Amino acid sequence: TVTGVEEVLRFDENEVELRTSRGRLLVRGEDLHVGRLAIESGELGVDG
């Protein structure tokens, strides 16, 4: 779970790249799925 999300730049099952209020964040893993995305509130949920 990530808060302070400003924009999701790209995502696939191995990487999610987003811009947060504290800089660009890259999440790497396997079978990653964006389960919850609320840009208005700046929240992102990823399963995998």
ModelCIF file with pLDDT and N, C-alpha, C, O atoms, coordinates in Angstrom:
data_MODEL
#
_entry.id   MODEL 
#
_entity.id                         1 
_entity.type                       polymer 
_entity.pdbx_number_of_molecules   1 
#
_entity_poly.entity_id                      1 
_entity_poly.type                           'polypeptide(L)' 
_entity_poly.nstd_linkage                   no 
_entity_poly.nstd_monomer                   no 
_entity_poly.pdbx_seq_one_letter_code       TVTGVEEVLRFDENEVELRTSRGRLLVRGEDLHVGRLAIESGELGVDG 
_entity_poly.pdbx_seq_one_letter_code_can   TVTGVEEVLRFDENEVELRTSRGRLLVRGEDLHVGRLAIESGELGVDG 
_entity_poly.pdbx_strand_id                 A 
#
loop_
_entity_poly_seq.entity_id 
_entity_poly_seq.num 
_entity_poly_seq.mon_id 
_entity_poly_seq.hetero 
1 1  THR n 
1 2  VAL n 
1 3  THR n 
1 4  GLY n 
1 5  VAL n 
1 6  GLU n 
1 7  GLU n 
1 8  VAL n 
1 9  LEU n 
1 10 ARG n 
1 11 PHE n 
1 12 ASP n 
1 13 GLU n 
1 14 ASN n 
1 15 GLU n 
1 16 VAL n 
1 17 GLU n 
1 18 LEU n 
1 19 ARG n 
1 20 THR n 
1 21 SER n 
1 22 ARG n 
1 23 GLY n 
1 24 ARG n 
1 25 LEU n 
1 26 LEU n 
1 27 VAL n 
1 28 ARG n 
1 29 GLY n 
1 30 GLU n 
1 31 ASP n 
1 32 LEU n 
1 33 HIS n 
1 34 VAL n 
1 35 GLY n 
1 36 ARG n 
1 37 LEU n 
1 38 ALA n 
1 39 ILE n 
1 40 GLU n 
1 41 SER n 
1 42 GLY n 
1 43 GLU n 
1 44 LEU n 
1 45 GLY n 
1 46 VAL n 
1 47 ASP n 
1 48 GLY n 
#
_struct_asym.id          A 
_struct_asym.entity_id   1 
#
loop_
_ma_qa_metric.id 
_ma_qa_metric.mode 
_ma_qa_metric.name 
_ma_qa_metric.software_group_id 
_ma_qa_metric.type 
1 global pLDDT . pLDDT 
2 local  pLDDT . pLDDT 
#
_ma_qa_metric_global.metric_id      1 
_ma_qa_metric_global.metric_value   94.67 
_ma_qa_metric_global.model_id       1 
_ma_qa_metric_global.ordinal_id     1 
#
loop_
_ma_qa_metric_local.label_asym_id 
_ma_qa_metric_local.label_comp_id 
_ma_qa_metric_local.label_seq_id 
_ma_qa_metric_local.metric_id 
_ma_qa_metric_local.metric_value 
_ma_qa_metric_local.model_id 
_ma_qa_metric_local.ordinal_id 
A THR 1  2 97.00 1 1  
A VAL 2  2 97.00 1 2  
A THR 3  2 96.00 1 3  
A GLY 4  2 95.00 1 4  
A VAL 5  2 95.00 1 5  
A GLU 6  2 93.00 1 6  
A GLU 7  2 93.00 1 7  
A VAL 8  2 93.00 1 8  
A LEU 9  2 95.00 1 9  
A ARG 10 2 95.00 1 10 
A PHE 11 2 95.00 1 11 
A ASP 12 2 96.00 1 12 
A GLU 13 2 97.00 1 13 
A ASN 14 2 98.00 1 14 
A GLU 15 2 97.00 1 15 
A VAL 16 2 97.00 1 16 
A GLU 17 2 96.00 1 17 
A LEU 18 2 94.00 1 18 
A ARG 19 2 95.00 1 19 
A THR 20 2 94.00 1 20 
A SER 21 2 92.00 1 21 
A ARG 22 2 92.00 1 22 
A GLY 23 2 93.00 1 23 
A ARG 24 2 96.00 1 24 
A LEU 25 2 96.00 1 25 
A LEU 26 2 97.00 1 26 
A VAL 27 2 97.00 1 27 
A ARG 28 2 97.00 1 28 
A GLY 29 2 98.00 1 29 
A GLU 30 2 98.00 1 30 
A ASP 31 2 98.00 1 31 
A LEU 32 2 97.00 1 32 
A HIS 33 2 96.00 1 33 
A VAL 34 2 93.00 1 34 
A GLY 35 2 91.00 1 35 
A ARG 36 2 92.00 1 36 
A LEU 37 2 91.00 1 37 
A ALA 38 2 92.00 1 38 
A ILE 39 2 80.00 1 39 
A GLU 40 2 86.00 1 40 
A SER 41 2 91.00 1 41 
A GLY 42 2 93.00 1 42 
A GLU 43 2 96.00 1 43 
A LEU 44 2 96.00 1 44 
A GLY 45 2 97.00 1 45 
A VAL 46 2 97.00 1 46 
A ASP 47 2 97.00 1 47 
A GLY 48 2 97.00 1 48 
#
loop_
_atom_site.group_PDB 
_atom_site.id 
_atom_site.type_symbol 
_atom_site.label_atom_id 
_atom_site.label_alt_id 
_atom_site.label_comp_id 
_atom_site.label_asym_id 
_atom_site.label_entity_id 
_atom_site.label_seq_id 
_atom_site.pdbx_PDB_ins_code 
_atom_site.Cartn_x 
_atom_site.Cartn_y 
_atom_site.Cartn_z 
_atom_site.occupancy 
_atom_site.B_iso_or_equiv 
_atom_site.pdbx_formal_charge 
_atom_site.auth_seq_id 
_atom_site.auth_comp_id 
_atom_site.auth_asym_id 
_atom_site.auth_atom_id 
_atom_site.pdbx_PDB_model_num 
ATOM 1   N N  . THR A 1 1  ? 0.858  -1.175  0.000   1.00 97.00 ? 1  THR A N  1 
ATOM 2   C CA . THR A 1 1  ? 0.000  0.000   0.000   1.00 97.00 ? 1  THR A CA 1 
ATOM 3   C C  . THR A 1 1  ? 0.897  1.229   0.000   1.00 97.00 ? 1  THR A C  1 
ATOM 4   O O  . THR A 1 1  ? 1.822  1.334   0.805   1.00 97.00 ? 1  THR A O  1 
ATOM 5   N N  . VAL A 1 2  ? 0.618  2.157   -0.908  1.00 97.00 ? 2  VAL A N  1 
ATOM 6   C CA . VAL A 1 2  ? 1.409  3.384   -1.038  1.00 97.00 ? 2  VAL A CA 1 
ATOM 7   C C  . VAL A 1 2  ? 0.455  4.570   -0.990  1.00 97.00 ? 2  VAL A C  1 
ATOM 8   O O  . VAL A 1 2  ? -0.557 4.584   -1.691  1.00 97.00 ? 2  VAL A O  1 
ATOM 9   N N  . THR A 1 3  ? 0.773  5.563   -0.167  1.00 96.00 ? 3  THR A N  1 
ATOM 10  C CA . THR A 1 3  ? 0.023  6.807   -0.153  1.00 96.00 ? 3  THR A CA 1 
ATOM 11  C C  . THR A 1 3  ? 0.929  7.921   -0.670  1.00 96.00 ? 3  THR A C  1 
ATOM 12  O O  . THR A 1 3  ? 2.149  7.764   -0.712  1.00 96.00 ? 3  THR A O  1 
ATOM 13  N N  . GLY A 1 4  ? 0.339  9.028   -1.059  1.00 95.00 ? 4  GLY A N  1 
ATOM 14  C CA . GLY A 1 4  ? 1.106  10.132  -1.623  1.00 95.00 ? 4  GLY A CA 1 
ATOM 15  C C  . GLY A 1 4  ? 1.409  9.917   -3.093  1.00 95.00 ? 4  GLY A C  1 
ATOM 16  O O  . GLY A 1 4  ? 2.336  10.523  -3.628  1.00 95.00 ? 4  GLY A O  1 
ATOM 17  N N  . VAL A 1 5  ? 0.636  9.056   -3.759  1.00 95.00 ? 5  VAL A N  1 
ATOM 18  C CA . VAL A 1 5  ? 0.840  8.765   -5.186  1.00 95.00 ? 5  VAL A CA 1 
ATOM 19  C C  . VAL A 1 5  ? 0.269  9.910   -6.010  1.00 95.00 ? 5  VAL A C  1 
ATOM 20  O O  . VAL A 1 5  ? -0.879 10.312  -5.821  1.00 95.00 ? 5  VAL A O  1 
ATOM 21  N N  . GLU A 1 6  ? 1.078  10.429  -6.922  1.00 93.00 ? 6  GLU A N  1 
ATOM 22  C CA . GLU A 1 6  ? 0.634  11.498  -7.803  1.00 93.00 ? 6  GLU A CA 1 
ATOM 23  C C  . GLU A 1 6  ? 0.298  10.984  -9.195  1.00 93.00 ? 6  GLU A C  1 
ATOM 24  O O  . GLU A 1 6  ? -0.592 11.520  -9.856  1.00 93.00 ? 6  GLU A O  1 
ATOM 25  N N  . GLU A 1 7  ? 1.006  9.945   -9.647  1.00 93.00 ? 7  GLU A N  1 
ATOM 26  C CA . GLU A 1 7  ? 0.773  9.420   -10.996 1.00 93.00 ? 7  GLU A CA 1 
ATOM 27  C C  . GLU A 1 7  ? 1.375  8.024   -11.109 1.00 93.00 ? 7  GLU A C  1 
ATOM 28  O O  . GLU A 1 7  ? 2.466  7.766   -10.600 1.00 93.00 ? 7  GLU A O  1 
ATOM 29  N N  . VAL A 1 8  ? 0.659  7.128   -11.779 1.00 93.00 ? 8  VAL A N  1 
ATOM 30  C CA . VAL A 1 8  ? 1.214  5.825   -12.121 1.00 93.00 ? 8  VAL A CA 1 
ATOM 31  C C  . VAL A 1 8  ? 1.804  5.977   -13.519 1.00 93.00 ? 8  VAL A C  1 
ATOM 32  O O  . VAL A 1 8  ? 1.081  6.249   -14.477 1.00 93.00 ? 8  VAL A O  1 
ATOM 33  N N  . LEU A 1 9  ? 3.114  5.803   -13.632 1.00 95.00 ? 9  LEU A N  1 
ATOM 34  C CA . LEU A 1 9  ? 3.802  6.015   -14.899 1.00 95.00 ? 9  LEU A CA 1 
ATOM 35  C C  . LEU A 1 9  ? 3.690  4.808   -15.819 1.00 95.00 ? 9  LEU A C  1 
ATOM 36  O O  . LEU A 1 9  ? 3.494  4.960   -17.024 1.00 95.00 ? 9  LEU A O  1 
ATOM 37  N N  . ARG A 1 10 ? 3.815  3.605   -15.253 1.00 95.00 ? 10 ARG A N  1 
ATOM 38  C CA . ARG A 1 10 ? 3.652  2.379   -16.038 1.00 95.00 ? 10 ARG A CA 1 
ATOM 39  C C  . ARG A 1 10 ? 3.572  1.208   -15.078 1.00 95.00 ? 10 ARG A C  1 
ATOM 40  O O  . ARG A 1 10 ? 4.010  1.287   -13.930 1.00 95.00 ? 10 ARG A O  1 
ATOM 41  N N  . PHE A 1 11 ? 2.999  0.111   -15.578 1.00 95.00 ? 11 PHE A N  1 
ATOM 42  C CA . PHE A 1 11 ? 2.954  -1.099  -14.759 1.00 95.00 ? 11 PHE A CA 1 
ATOM 43  C C  . PHE A 1 11 ? 2.770  -2.324  -15.637 1.00 95.00 ? 11 PHE A C  1 
ATOM 44  O O  . PHE A 1 11 ? 2.143  -2.264  -16.694 1.00 95.00 ? 11 PHE A O  1 
ATOM 45  N N  . ASP A 1 12 ? 3.326  -3.430  -15.179 1.00 96.00 ? 12 ASP A N  1 
ATOM 46  C CA . ASP A 1 12 ? 3.101  -4.746  -15.748 1.00 96.00 ? 12 ASP A CA 1 
ATOM 47  C C  . ASP A 1 12 ? 3.239  -5.744  -14.614 1.00 96.00 ? 12 ASP A C  1 
ATOM 48  O O  . ASP A 1 12 ? 3.313  -5.342  -13.453 1.00 96.00 ? 12 ASP A O  1 
ATOM 49  N N  . GLU A 1 13 ? 3.275  -7.029  -14.915 1.00 97.00 ? 13 GLU A N  1 
ATOM 50  C CA . GLU A 1 13 ? 3.280  -8.013  -13.831 1.00 97.00 ? 13 GLU A CA 1 
ATOM 51  C C  . GLU A 1 13 ? 4.606  -8.107  -13.086 1.00 97.00 ? 13 GLU A C  1 
ATOM 52  O O  . GLU A 1 13 ? 4.683  -8.774  -12.054 1.00 97.00 ? 13 GLU A O  1 
ATOM 53  N N  . ASN A 1 14 ? 5.666  -7.444  -13.596 1.00 98.00 ? 14 ASN A N  1 
ATOM 54  C CA . ASN A 1 14 ? 6.969  -7.485  -12.935 1.00 98.00 ? 14 ASN A CA 1 
ATOM 55  C C  . ASN A 1 14 ? 7.425  -6.147  -12.363 1.00 98.00 ? 14 ASN A C  1 
ATOM 56  O O  . ASN A 1 14 ? 8.325  -6.115  -11.524 1.00 98.00 ? 14 ASN A O  1 
ATOM 57  N N  . GLU A 1 15 ? 6.819  -5.041  -12.803 1.00 97.00 ? 15 GLU A N  1 
ATOM 58  C CA . GLU A 1 15 ? 7.226  -3.716  -12.331 1.00 97.00 ? 15 GLU A CA 1 
ATOM 59  C C  . GLU A 1 15 ? 6.045  -2.756  -12.280 1.00 97.00 ? 15 GLU A C  1 
ATOM 60  O O  . GLU A 1 15 ? 5.151  -2.795  -13.126 1.00 97.00 ? 15 GLU A O  1 
ATOM 61  N N  . VAL A 1 16 ? 6.063  -1.908  -11.282 1.00 97.00 ? 16 VAL A N  1 
ATOM 62  C CA . VAL A 1 16 ? 5.119  -0.794  -11.185 1.00 97.00 ? 16 VAL A CA 1 
ATOM 63  C C  . VAL A 1 16 ? 5.961  0.439   -10.925 1.00 97.00 ? 16 VAL A C  1 
ATOM 64  O O  . VAL A 1 16 ? 6.726  0.485   -9.961  1.00 97.00 ? 16 VAL A O  1 
ATOM 65  N N  . GLU A 1 17 ? 5.821  1.446   -11.789 1.00 96.00 ? 17 GLU A N  1 
ATOM 66  C CA . GLU A 1 17 ? 6.584  2.684   -11.630 1.00 96.00 ? 17 GLU A CA 1 
ATOM 67  C C  . GLU A 1 17 ? 5.601  3.823   -11.393 1.00 96.00 ? 17 GLU A C  1 
ATOM 68  O O  . GLU A 1 17 ? 4.659  4.018   -12.161 1.00 96.00 ? 17 GLU A O  1 
ATOM 69  N N  . LEU A 1 18 ? 5.834  4.573   -10.317 1.00 94.00 ? 18 LEU A N  1 
ATOM 70  C CA . LEU A 1 18 ? 4.931  5.659   -10.002 1.00 94.00 ? 18 LEU A CA 1 
ATOM 71  C C  . LEU A 1 18 ? 5.679  6.861   -9.477  1.00 94.00 ? 18 LEU A C  1 
ATOM 72  O O  . LEU A 1 18 ? 6.808  6.762   -8.999  1.00 94.00 ? 18 LEU A O  1 
ATOM 73  N N  . ARG A 1 19 ? 5.018  7.997   -9.580  1.00 95.00 ? 19 ARG A N  1 
ATOM 74  C CA . ARG A 1 19 ? 5.564  9.235   -9.045  1.00 95.00 ? 19 ARG A CA 1 
ATOM 75  C C  . ARG A 1 19 ? 4.815  9.534   -7.760  1.00 95.00 ? 19 ARG A C  1 
ATOM 76  O O  . ARG A 1 19 ? 3.585  9.581   -7.741  1.00 95.00 ? 19 ARG A O  1 
ATOM 77  N N  . THR A 1 20 ? 5.568  9.737   -6.682  1.00 94.00 ? 20 THR A N  1 
ATOM 78  C CA . THR A 1 20 ? 4.979  10.041  -5.387  1.00 94.00 ? 20 THR A CA 1 
ATOM 79  C C  . THR A 1 20 ? 5.383  11.448  -4.969  1.00 94.00 ? 20 THR A C  1 
ATOM 80  O O  . THR A 1 20 ? 6.175  12.109  -5.640  1.00 94.00 ? 20 THR A O  1 
ATOM 81  N N  . SER A 1 21 ? 4.832  11.886  -3.863  1.00 92.00 ? 21 SER A N  1 
ATOM 82  C CA . SER A 1 21 ? 5.180  13.215  -3.355  1.00 92.00 ? 21 SER A CA 1 
ATOM 83  C C  . SER A 1 21 ? 6.629  13.269  -2.873  1.00 92.00 ? 21 SER A C  1 
ATOM 84  O O  . SER A 1 21 ? 7.151  14.354  -2.619  1.00 92.00 ? 21 SER A O  1 
ATOM 85  N N  . ARG A 1 22 ? 7.281  12.119  -2.744  1.00 92.00 ? 22 ARG A N  1 
ATOM 86  C CA . ARG A 1 22 ? 8.676  12.057  -2.309  1.00 92.00 ? 22 ARG A CA 1 
ATOM 87  C C  . ARG A 1 22 ? 9.616  11.537  -3.382  1.00 92.00 ? 22 ARG A C  1 
ATOM 88  O O  . ARG A 1 22 ? 10.742 11.145  -3.074  1.00 92.00 ? 22 ARG A O  1 
ATOM 89  N N  . GLY A 1 23 ? 9.178  11.524  -4.636  1.00 93.00 ? 23 GLY A N  1 
ATOM 90  C CA . GLY A 1 23 ? 10.034 11.093  -5.734  1.00 93.00 ? 23 GLY A CA 1 
ATOM 91  C C  . GLY A 1 23 ? 9.470  9.876   -6.454  1.00 93.00 ? 23 GLY A C  1 
ATOM 92  O O  . GLY A 1 23 ? 8.422  9.343   -6.092  1.00 93.00 ? 23 GLY A O  1 
ATOM 93  N N  . ARG A 1 24 ? 10.190 9.459   -7.473  1.00 96.00 ? 24 ARG A N  1 
ATOM 94  C CA . ARG A 1 24 ? 9.777  8.322   -8.294  1.00 96.00 ? 24 ARG A CA 1 
ATOM 95  C C  . ARG A 1 24 ? 10.071 7.031   -7.552  1.00 96.00 ? 24 ARG A C  1 
ATOM 96  O O  . ARG A 1 24 ? 11.150 6.865   -6.984  1.00 96.00 ? 24 ARG A O  1 
ATOM 97  N N  . LEU A 1 25 ? 9.101  6.110   -7.557  1.00 96.00 ? 25 LEU A N  1 
ATOM 98  C CA . LEU A 1 25 ? 9.226  4.831   -6.869  1.00 96.00 ? 25 LEU A CA 1 
ATOM 99  C C  . LEU A 1 25 ? 9.018  3.710   -7.862  1.00 96.00 ? 25 LEU A C  1 
ATOM 100 O O  . LEU A 1 25 ? 8.043  3.707   -8.613  1.00 96.00 ? 25 LEU A O  1 
ATOM 101 N N  . LEU A 1 26 ? 9.939  2.754   -7.865  1.00 97.00 ? 26 LEU A N  1 
ATOM 102 C CA . LEU A 1 26 ? 9.854  1.583   -8.724  1.00 97.00 ? 26 LEU A CA 1 
ATOM 103 C C  . LEU A 1 26 ? 9.680  0.364   -7.828  1.00 97.00 ? 26 LEU A C  1 
ATOM 104 O O  . LEU A 1 26 ? 10.483 0.120   -6.927  1.00 97.00 ? 26 LEU A O  1 
ATOM 105 N N  . VAL A 1 27 ? 8.621  -0.399  -8.087  1.00 97.00 ? 27 VAL A N  1 
ATOM 106 C CA . VAL A 1 27 ? 8.326  -1.625  -7.346  1.00 97.00 ? 27 VAL A CA 1 
ATOM 107 C C  . VAL A 1 27 ? 8.577  -2.788  -8.294  1.00 97.00 ? 27 VAL A C  1 
ATOM 108 O O  . VAL A 1 27 ? 8.008  -2.843  -9.384  1.00 97.00 ? 27 VAL A O  1 
ATOM 109 N N  . ARG A 1 28 ? 9.432  -3.718  -7.877  1.00 97.00 ? 28 ARG A N  1 
ATOM 110 C CA . ARG A 1 28 ? 9.716  -4.892  -8.694  1.00 97.00 ? 28 ARG A CA 1 
ATOM 111 C C  . ARG A 1 28 ? 9.272  -6.138  -7.949  1.00 97.00 ? 28 ARG A C  1 
ATOM 112 O O  . ARG A 1 28 ? 9.323  -6.202  -6.721  1.00 97.00 ? 28 ARG A O  1 
ATOM 113 N N  . GLY A 1 29 ? 8.831  -7.135  -8.725  1.00 98.00 ? 29 GLY A N  1 
ATOM 114 C CA . GLY A 1 29 ? 8.398  -8.379  -8.120  1.00 98.00 ? 29 GLY A CA 1 
ATOM 115 C C  . GLY A 1 29 ? 7.839  -9.325  -9.164  1.00 98.00 ? 29 GLY A C  1 
ATOM 116 O O  . GLY A 1 29 ? 8.186  -9.245  -10.342 1.00 98.00 ? 29 GLY A O  1 
ATOM 117 N N  . GLU A 1 30 ? 6.966  -10.224 -8.719  1.00 98.00 ? 30 GLU A N  1 
ATOM 118 C CA . GLU A 1 30 ? 6.357  -11.205 -9.610  1.00 98.00 ? 30 GLU A CA 1 
ATOM 119 C C  . GLU A 1 30 ? 4.847  -11.195 -9.411  1.00 98.00 ? 30 GLU A C  1 
ATOM 120 O O  . GLU A 1 30 ? 4.354  -11.016 -8.297  1.00 98.00 ? 30 GLU A O  1 
ATOM 121 N N  . ASP A 1 31 ? 4.128  -11.388 -10.501 1.00 98.00 ? 31 ASP A N  1 
ATOM 122 C CA . ASP A 1 31 ? 2.658  -11.434 -10.472 1.00 98.00 ? 31 ASP A CA 1 
ATOM 123 C C  . ASP A 1 31 ? 2.054  -10.211 -9.792  1.00 98.00 ? 31 ASP A C  1 
ATOM 124 O O  . ASP A 1 31 ? 1.116  -10.335 -9.005  1.00 98.00 ? 31 ASP A O  1 
ATOM 125 N N  . LEU A 1 32 ? 2.587  -9.036  -10.093 1.00 97.00 ? 32 LEU A N  1 
ATOM 126 C CA . LEU A 1 32 ? 2.089  -7.796  -9.494  1.00 97.00 ? 32 LEU A CA 1 
ATOM 127 C C  . LEU A 1 32 ? 0.798  -7.367  -10.192 1.00 97.00 ? 32 LEU A C  1 
ATOM 128 O O  . LEU A 1 32 ? 0.716  -7.335  -11.420 1.00 97.00 ? 32 LEU A O  1 
ATOM 129 N N  . HIS A 1 33 ? -0.193 -7.044  -9.389  1.00 96.00 ? 33 HIS A N  1 
ATOM 130 C CA . HIS A 1 33 ? -1.487 -6.593  -9.903  1.00 96.00 ? 33 HIS A CA 1 
ATOM 131 C C  . HIS A 1 33 ? -1.917 -5.374  -9.117  1.00 96.00 ? 33 HIS A C  1 
ATOM 132 O O  . HIS A 1 33 ? -1.917 -5.383  -7.886  1.00 96.00 ? 33 HIS A O  1 
ATOM 133 N N  . VAL A 1 34 ? -2.286 -4.317  -9.840  1.00 93.00 ? 34 VAL A N  1 
ATOM 134 C CA . VAL A 1 34 ? -2.797 -3.123  -9.182  1.00 93.00 ? 34 VAL A CA 1 
ATOM 135 C C  . VAL A 1 34 ? -4.243 -3.422  -8.789  1.00 93.00 ? 34 VAL A C  1 
ATOM 136 O O  . VAL A 1 34 ? -5.128 -3.504  -9.640  1.00 93.00 ? 34 VAL A O  1 
ATOM 137 N N  . GLY A 1 35 ? -4.460 -3.580  -7.500  1.00 91.00 ? 35 GLY A N  1 
ATOM 138 C CA . GLY A 1 35 ? -5.783 -3.933  -7.009  1.00 91.00 ? 35 GLY A CA 1 
ATOM 139 C C  . GLY A 1 35 ? -6.638 -2.729  -6.689  1.00 91.00 ? 35 GLY A C  1 
ATOM 140 O O  . GLY A 1 35 ? -7.856 -2.768  -6.863  1.00 91.00 ? 35 GLY A O  1 
ATOM 141 N N  . ARG A 1 36 ? -6.015 -1.655  -6.223  1.00 92.00 ? 36 ARG A N  1 
ATOM 142 C CA . ARG A 1 36 ? -6.749 -0.453  -5.838  1.00 92.00 ? 36 ARG A CA 1 
ATOM 143 C C  . ARG A 1 36 ? -5.941 0.759   -6.283  1.00 92.00 ? 36 ARG A C  1 
ATOM 144 O O  . ARG A 1 36 ? -4.747 0.860   -6.004  1.00 92.00 ? 36 ARG A O  1 
ATOM 145 N N  . LEU A 1 37 ? -6.602 1.667   -6.971  1.00 91.00 ? 37 LEU A N  1 
ATOM 146 C CA . LEU A 1 37 ? -5.945 2.887   -7.423  1.00 91.00 ? 37 LEU A CA 1 
ATOM 147 C C  . LEU A 1 37 ? -6.920 4.044   -7.241  1.00 91.00 ? 37 LEU A C  1 
ATOM 148 O O  . LEU A 1 37 ? -7.985 4.074   -7.858  1.00 91.00 ? 37 LEU A O  1 
ATOM 149 N N  . ALA A 1 38 ? -6.552 4.981   -6.400  1.00 92.00 ? 38 ALA A N  1 
ATOM 150 C CA . ALA A 1 38 ? -7.374 6.165   -6.159  1.00 92.00 ? 38 ALA A CA 1 
ATOM 151 C C  . ALA A 1 38 ? -6.464 7.385   -6.234  1.00 92.00 ? 38 ALA A C  1 
ATOM 152 O O  . ALA A 1 38 ? -5.950 7.851   -5.217  1.00 92.00 ? 38 ALA A O  1 
ATOM 153 N N  . ILE A 1 39 ? -6.272 7.890   -7.430  1.00 80.00 ? 39 ILE A N  1 
ATOM 154 C CA . ILE A 1 39 ? -5.367 9.026   -7.638  1.00 80.00 ? 39 ILE A CA 1 
ATOM 155 C C  . ILE A 1 39 ? -5.857 10.264  -6.894  1.00 80.00 ? 39 ILE A C  1 
ATOM 156 O O  . ILE A 1 39 ? -5.049 11.057  -6.411  1.00 80.00 ? 39 ILE A O  1 
ATOM 157 N N  . GLU A 1 40 ? -7.190 10.438  -6.798  1.00 86.00 ? 40 GLU A N  1 
ATOM 158 C CA . GLU A 1 40 ? -7.731 11.613  -6.101  1.00 86.00 ? 40 GLU A CA 1 
ATOM 159 C C  . GLU A 1 40 ? -7.223 11.678  -4.666  1.00 86.00 ? 40 GLU A C  1 
ATOM 160 O O  . GLU A 1 40 ? -6.858 12.747  -4.176  1.00 86.00 ? 40 GLU A O  1 
ATOM 161 N N  . SER A 1 41 ? -7.202 10.519  -3.992  1.00 91.00 ? 41 SER A N  1 
ATOM 162 C CA . SER A 1 41 ? -6.727 10.491  -2.604  1.00 91.00 ? 41 SER A CA 1 
ATOM 163 C C  . SER A 1 41 ? -5.256 10.111  -2.513  1.00 91.00 ? 41 SER A C  1 
ATOM 164 O O  . SER A 1 41 ? -4.667 10.185  -1.434  1.00 91.00 ? 41 SER A O  1 
ATOM 165 N N  . GLY A 1 42 ? -4.648 9.703   -3.636  1.00 93.00 ? 42 GLY A N  1 
ATOM 166 C CA . GLY A 1 42 ? -3.229 9.373   -3.656  1.00 93.00 ? 42 GLY A CA 1 
ATOM 167 C C  . GLY A 1 42 ? -2.896 8.011   -3.087  1.00 93.00 ? 42 GLY A C  1 
ATOM 168 O O  . GLY A 1 42 ? -1.806 7.819   -2.548  1.00 93.00 ? 42 GLY A O  1 
ATOM 169 N N  . GLU A 1 43 ? -3.828 7.039   -3.199  1.00 96.00 ? 43 GLU A N  1 
ATOM 170 C CA . GLU A 1 43 ? -3.596 5.709   -2.649  1.00 96.00 ? 43 GLU A CA 1 
ATOM 171 C C  . GLU A 1 43 ? -3.499 4.665   -3.752  1.00 96.00 ? 43 GLU A C  1 
ATOM 172 O O  . GLU A 1 43 ? -4.228 4.709   -4.743  1.00 96.00 ? 43 GLU A O  1 
ATOM 173 N N  . LEU A 1 44 ? -2.579 3.723   -3.556  1.00 96.00 ? 44 LEU A N  1 
ATOM 174 C CA . LEU A 1 44 ? -2.372 2.633   -4.503  1.00 96.00 ? 44 LEU A CA 1 
ATOM 175 C C  . LEU A 1 44 ? -2.202 1.343   -3.722  1.00 96.00 ? 44 LEU A C  1 
ATOM 176 O O  . LEU A 1 44 ? -1.494 1.309   -2.715  1.00 96.00 ? 44 LEU A O  1 
ATOM 177 N N  . GLY A 1 45 ? -2.852 0.280   -4.184  1.00 97.00 ? 45 GLY A N  1 
ATOM 178 C CA . GLY A 1 45 ? -2.701 -1.039  -3.582  1.00 97.00 ? 45 GLY A CA 1 
ATOM 179 C C  . GLY A 1 45 ? -2.214 -2.018  -4.637  1.00 97.00 ? 45 GLY A C  1 
ATOM 180 O O  . GLY A 1 45 ? -2.766 -2.072  -5.736  1.00 97.00 ? 45 GLY A O  1 
ATOM 181 N N  . VAL A 1 46 ? -1.192 -2.786  -4.313  1.00 97.00 ? 46 VAL A N  1 
ATOM 182 C CA . VAL A 1 46 ? -0.619 -3.761  -5.242  1.00 97.00 ? 46 VAL A CA 1 
ATOM 183 C C  . VAL A 1 46 ? -0.577 -5.119  -4.551  1.00 97.00 ? 46 VAL A C  1 
ATOM 184 O O  . VAL A 1 46 ? -0.145 -5.227  -3.403  1.00 97.00 ? 46 VAL A O  1 
ATOM 185 N N  . ASP A 1 47 ? -1.027 -6.150  -5.255  1.00 97.00 ? 47 ASP A N  1 
ATOM 186 C CA . ASP A 1 47 ? -0.943 -7.526  -4.776  1.00 97.00 ? 47 ASP A CA 1 
ATOM 187 C C  . ASP A 1 47 ? 0.079  -8.268  -5.613  1.00 97.00 ? 47 ASP A C  1 
ATOM 188 O O  . ASP A 1 47 ? 0.263  -7.951  -6.789  1.00 97.00 ? 47 ASP A O  1 
ATOM 189 N N  . GLY A 1 48 ? 0.745  -9.248  -5.029  1.00 97.00 ? 48 GLY A N  1 
ATOM 190 C CA . GLY A 1 48 ? 1.755  -10.050 -5.718  1.00 97.00 ? 48 GLY A CA 1 
ATOM 191 C C  . GLY A 1 48 ? 2.959  -10.223 -4.810  1.00 97.00 ? 48 GLY A C  1 
ATOM 192 O O  . GLY A 1 48 ? 3.934  -10.870 -5.194  1.00 97.00 ? 48 GLY A O  1 
#
